[in-house]
Amino acid sequence: MKDMTNREKVIYDYVIGYRKKMHFSPSMRQIAEGVGLYSVSTVHKHIHSLIEKGWFLPPEGKLRSIVPCAELM
């Protein structure tokens, strides 16, 4: 796995915390609001970067399907 940027780390930590609390992934809008971003497209860009770096699994066509790879270990 490649290193995360500071913003990616914030988004990753938010998703991990949300999944632990709610037992499903947050929406892109919820992530944006949770980390203080105004643009959902910016969140989308960071999520896809984290997928390419190996931190999240690619979505399976389902809503809220962001799954951290660490959950599979």
N, C-alpha and C. Protein backbone atom coordinates (compact mmCIF):
# COMPACT_ATOMS: atom_id res chain seq x y z
N MET A 1 0.84 -1.18 0.00
CA MET A 1 0.00 0.00 0.00
C MET A 1 0.88 1.24 0.00
N LYS A 2 0.47 2.19 -0.78
CA LYS A 2 1.21 3.45 -0.86
C LYS A 2 0.77 4.39 0.26
N ASP A 3 1.62 5.36 0.55
CA ASP A 3 1.31 6.34 1.59
C ASP A 3 0.14 7.22 1.21
N MET A 4 -0.59 7.67 2.23
CA MET A 4 -1.72 8.58 2.02
C MET A 4 -1.27 10.02 2.20
N THR A 5 -1.95 10.92 1.52
CA THR A 5 -1.76 12.34 1.79
C THR A 5 -2.49 12.66 3.09
N ASN A 6 -2.26 13.85 3.64
CA ASN A 6 -2.93 14.24 4.88
C ASN A 6 -4.45 14.22 4.71
N ARG A 7 -4.97 14.74 3.61
CA ARG A 7 -6.41 14.78 3.37
C ARG A 7 -6.97 13.37 3.21
N GLU A 8 -6.24 12.51 2.52
CA GLU A 8 -6.68 11.13 2.37
C GLU A 8 -6.75 10.43 3.72
N LYS A 9 -5.80 10.71 4.59
CA LYS A 9 -5.78 10.12 5.94
C LYS A 9 -7.02 10.56 6.72
N VAL A 10 -7.38 11.82 6.62
CA VAL A 10 -8.57 12.33 7.30
C VAL A 10 -9.82 11.62 6.78
N ILE A 11 -9.92 11.47 5.47
CA ILE A 11 -11.07 10.79 4.86
C ILE A 11 -11.08 9.32 5.26
N TYR A 12 -9.95 8.65 5.21
CA TYR A 12 -9.85 7.25 5.59
C TYR A 12 -10.29 7.05 7.04
N ASP A 13 -9.78 7.88 7.93
CA ASP A 13 -10.13 7.78 9.35
C ASP A 13 -11.62 8.03 9.57
N TYR A 14 -12.19 8.97 8.83
CA TYR A 14 -13.62 9.24 8.94
C TYR A 14 -14.44 8.02 8.52
N VAL A 15 -14.07 7.41 7.40
CA VAL A 15 -14.80 6.23 6.92
C VAL A 15 -14.68 5.09 7.92
N ILE A 16 -13.49 4.85 8.46
CA ILE A 16 -13.28 3.79 9.44
C ILE A 16 -14.16 4.03 10.67
N GLY A 17 -14.15 5.24 11.19
CA GLY A 17 -14.95 5.58 12.37
C GLY A 17 -16.44 5.45 12.11
N TYR A 18 -16.88 5.90 10.95
CA TYR A 18 -18.29 5.82 10.59
C TYR A 18 -18.73 4.36 10.49
N ARG A 19 -17.92 3.53 9.84
CA ARG A 19 -18.26 2.11 9.68
C ARG A 19 -18.32 1.40 11.02
N LYS A 20 -17.43 1.76 11.94
CA LYS A 20 -17.45 1.13 13.27
C LYS A 20 -18.73 1.50 14.02
N LYS A 21 -19.16 2.73 13.85
CA LYS A 21 -20.34 3.20 14.57
C LYS A 21 -21.65 2.75 13.92
N MET A 22 -21.74 2.85 12.60
CA MET A 22 -23.01 2.61 11.90
C MET A 22 -23.10 1.24 11.23
N HIS A 23 -21.99 0.54 11.06
CA HIS A 23 -21.93 -0.78 10.43
C HIS A 23 -22.22 -0.76 8.92
N PHE A 24 -22.09 0.41 8.31
CA PHE A 24 -22.12 0.55 6.86
C PHE A 24 -21.35 1.82 6.51
N SER A 25 -21.01 1.97 5.25
CA SER A 25 -20.18 3.10 4.82
C SER A 25 -20.99 4.38 4.67
N PRO A 26 -20.33 5.53 4.87
CA PRO A 26 -21.01 6.80 4.65
C PRO A 26 -21.13 7.10 3.16
N SER A 27 -22.06 7.97 2.81
CA SER A 27 -22.18 8.44 1.43
C SER A 27 -21.07 9.46 1.17
N MET A 28 -20.86 9.77 -0.09
CA MET A 28 -19.86 10.78 -0.44
C MET A 28 -20.22 12.13 0.20
N ARG A 29 -21.49 12.47 0.21
CA ARG A 29 -21.95 13.72 0.83
C ARG A 29 -21.64 13.72 2.33
N GLN A 30 -21.89 12.61 3.00
CA GLN A 30 -21.61 12.52 4.43
C GLN A 30 -20.12 12.63 4.71
N ILE A 31 -19.31 12.04 3.85
CA ILE A 31 -17.86 12.16 4.02
C ILE A 31 -17.45 13.62 3.87
N ALA A 32 -17.96 14.27 2.82
CA ALA A 32 -17.63 15.69 2.59
C ALA A 32 -17.98 16.53 3.81
N GLU A 33 -19.19 16.35 4.32
CA GLU A 33 -19.62 17.11 5.49
C GLU A 33 -18.80 16.75 6.73
N GLY A 34 -18.46 15.47 6.87
CA GLY A 34 -17.73 15.01 8.03
C GLY A 34 -16.29 15.49 8.11
N VAL A 35 -15.69 15.74 6.96
CA VAL A 35 -14.28 16.19 6.94
C VAL A 35 -14.13 17.66 6.56
N GLY A 36 -15.26 18.35 6.39
CA GLY A 36 -15.21 19.79 6.13
C GLY A 36 -14.92 20.17 4.69
N LEU A 37 -15.32 19.33 3.74
CA LEU A 37 -15.17 19.67 2.33
C LEU A 37 -16.52 20.10 1.77
N TYR A 38 -16.49 20.97 0.77
CA TYR A 38 -17.73 21.45 0.15
C TYR A 38 -18.08 20.67 -1.11
N SER A 39 -17.09 20.04 -1.70
CA SER A 39 -17.29 19.39 -3.00
C SER A 39 -17.28 17.87 -2.87
N VAL A 40 -18.37 17.25 -3.29
CA VAL A 40 -18.44 15.79 -3.31
C VAL A 40 -17.46 15.24 -4.34
N SER A 41 -17.23 15.98 -5.41
CA SER A 41 -16.30 15.50 -6.44
C SER A 41 -14.88 15.42 -5.89
N THR A 42 -14.52 16.29 -4.96
CA THR A 42 -13.20 16.22 -4.33
C THR A 42 -13.09 14.95 -3.49
N VAL A 43 -14.15 14.63 -2.76
CA VAL A 43 -14.16 13.40 -1.97
C VAL A 43 -14.04 12.20 -2.91
N HIS A 44 -14.79 12.22 -3.99
CA HIS A 44 -14.75 11.14 -4.97
C HIS A 44 -13.32 10.93 -5.48
N LYS A 45 -12.63 12.02 -5.78
CA LYS A 45 -11.25 11.95 -6.27
C LYS A 45 -10.34 11.30 -5.22
N HIS A 46 -10.49 11.70 -3.96
CA HIS A 46 -9.66 11.14 -2.90
C HIS A 46 -9.98 9.66 -2.66
N ILE A 47 -11.24 9.29 -2.71
CA ILE A 47 -11.63 7.89 -2.53
C ILE A 47 -11.01 7.03 -3.63
N HIS A 48 -11.08 7.49 -4.87
CA HIS A 48 -10.50 6.72 -5.97
C HIS A 48 -8.97 6.65 -5.85
N SER A 49 -8.36 7.68 -5.34
CA SER A 49 -6.93 7.64 -5.09
C SER A 49 -6.60 6.59 -4.03
N LEU A 50 -7.43 6.52 -2.99
CA LEU A 50 -7.22 5.52 -1.93
C LEU A 50 -7.46 4.10 -2.44
N ILE A 51 -8.37 3.95 -3.39
CA ILE A 51 -8.59 2.64 -4.02
C ILE A 51 -7.35 2.25 -4.81
N GLU A 52 -6.82 3.18 -5.58
CA GLU A 52 -5.63 2.89 -6.39
C GLU A 52 -4.41 2.57 -5.53
N LYS A 53 -4.34 3.19 -4.35
CA LYS A 53 -3.22 2.96 -3.44
C LYS A 53 -3.40 1.70 -2.60
N GLY A 54 -4.58 1.07 -2.68
CA GLY A 54 -4.80 -0.19 -1.98
C GLY A 54 -5.40 -0.07 -0.59
N TRP A 55 -5.91 1.09 -0.22
CA TRP A 55 -6.50 1.28 1.10
C TRP A 55 -7.98 0.90 1.14
N PHE A 56 -8.69 1.06 0.03
CA PHE A 56 -10.10 0.69 -0.07
C PHE A 56 -10.26 -0.31 -1.21
N LEU A 57 -11.28 -1.15 -1.10
CA LEU A 57 -11.63 -2.05 -2.19
C LEU A 57 -12.42 -1.28 -3.24
N PRO A 58 -12.32 -1.67 -4.51
CA PRO A 58 -13.15 -1.03 -5.53
C PRO A 58 -14.64 -1.27 -5.24
N PRO A 59 -15.50 -0.29 -5.50
CA PRO A 59 -16.94 -0.47 -5.26
C PRO A 59 -17.51 -1.57 -6.13
N GLU A 60 -18.51 -2.25 -5.60
CA GLU A 60 -19.15 -3.35 -6.32
C GLU A 60 -20.48 -2.93 -6.93
N GLY A 61 -20.66 -1.67 -7.24
CA GLY A 61 -21.89 -1.20 -7.84
C GLY A 61 -23.01 -0.94 -6.85
N LYS A 62 -22.69 -0.99 -5.56
CA LYS A 62 -23.69 -0.74 -4.53
C LYS A 62 -23.47 0.64 -3.93
N LEU A 63 -24.55 1.24 -3.47
CA LEU A 63 -24.42 2.48 -2.73
C LEU A 63 -23.72 2.20 -1.41
N ARG A 64 -22.92 3.12 -0.98
CA ARG A 64 -22.22 3.01 0.30
C ARG A 64 -21.38 1.74 0.40
N SER A 65 -20.67 1.45 -0.65
CA SER A 65 -19.89 0.21 -0.68
C SER A 65 -18.40 0.44 -0.50
N ILE A 66 -18.01 1.51 0.15
CA ILE A 66 -16.60 1.78 0.41
C ILE A 66 -16.16 0.84 1.53
N VAL A 67 -15.26 -0.09 1.22
CA VAL A 67 -14.81 -1.06 2.21
C VAL A 67 -13.29 -0.96 2.36
N PRO A 68 -12.82 -0.66 3.57
CA PRO A 68 -11.37 -0.63 3.81
C PRO A 68 -10.77 -2.03 3.69
N CYS A 69 -9.65 -2.13 3.05
CA CYS A 69 -8.98 -3.42 2.89
C CYS A 69 -8.61 -4.03 4.23
N ALA A 70 -8.36 -3.19 5.24
CA ALA A 70 -7.98 -3.67 6.57
C ALA A 70 -9.07 -4.55 7.19
N GLU A 71 -10.33 -4.36 6.79
CA GLU A 71 -11.41 -5.17 7.34
C GLU A 71 -11.35 -6.61 6.87
N LEU A 72 -10.62 -6.86 5.81
CA LEU A 72 -10.54 -8.21 5.26
C LEU A 72 -9.40 -9.02 5.86
N MET A 73 -8.54 -8.35 6.62
CA MET A 73 -7.37 -9.03 7.18
C MET A 73 -7.69 -9.62 8.53
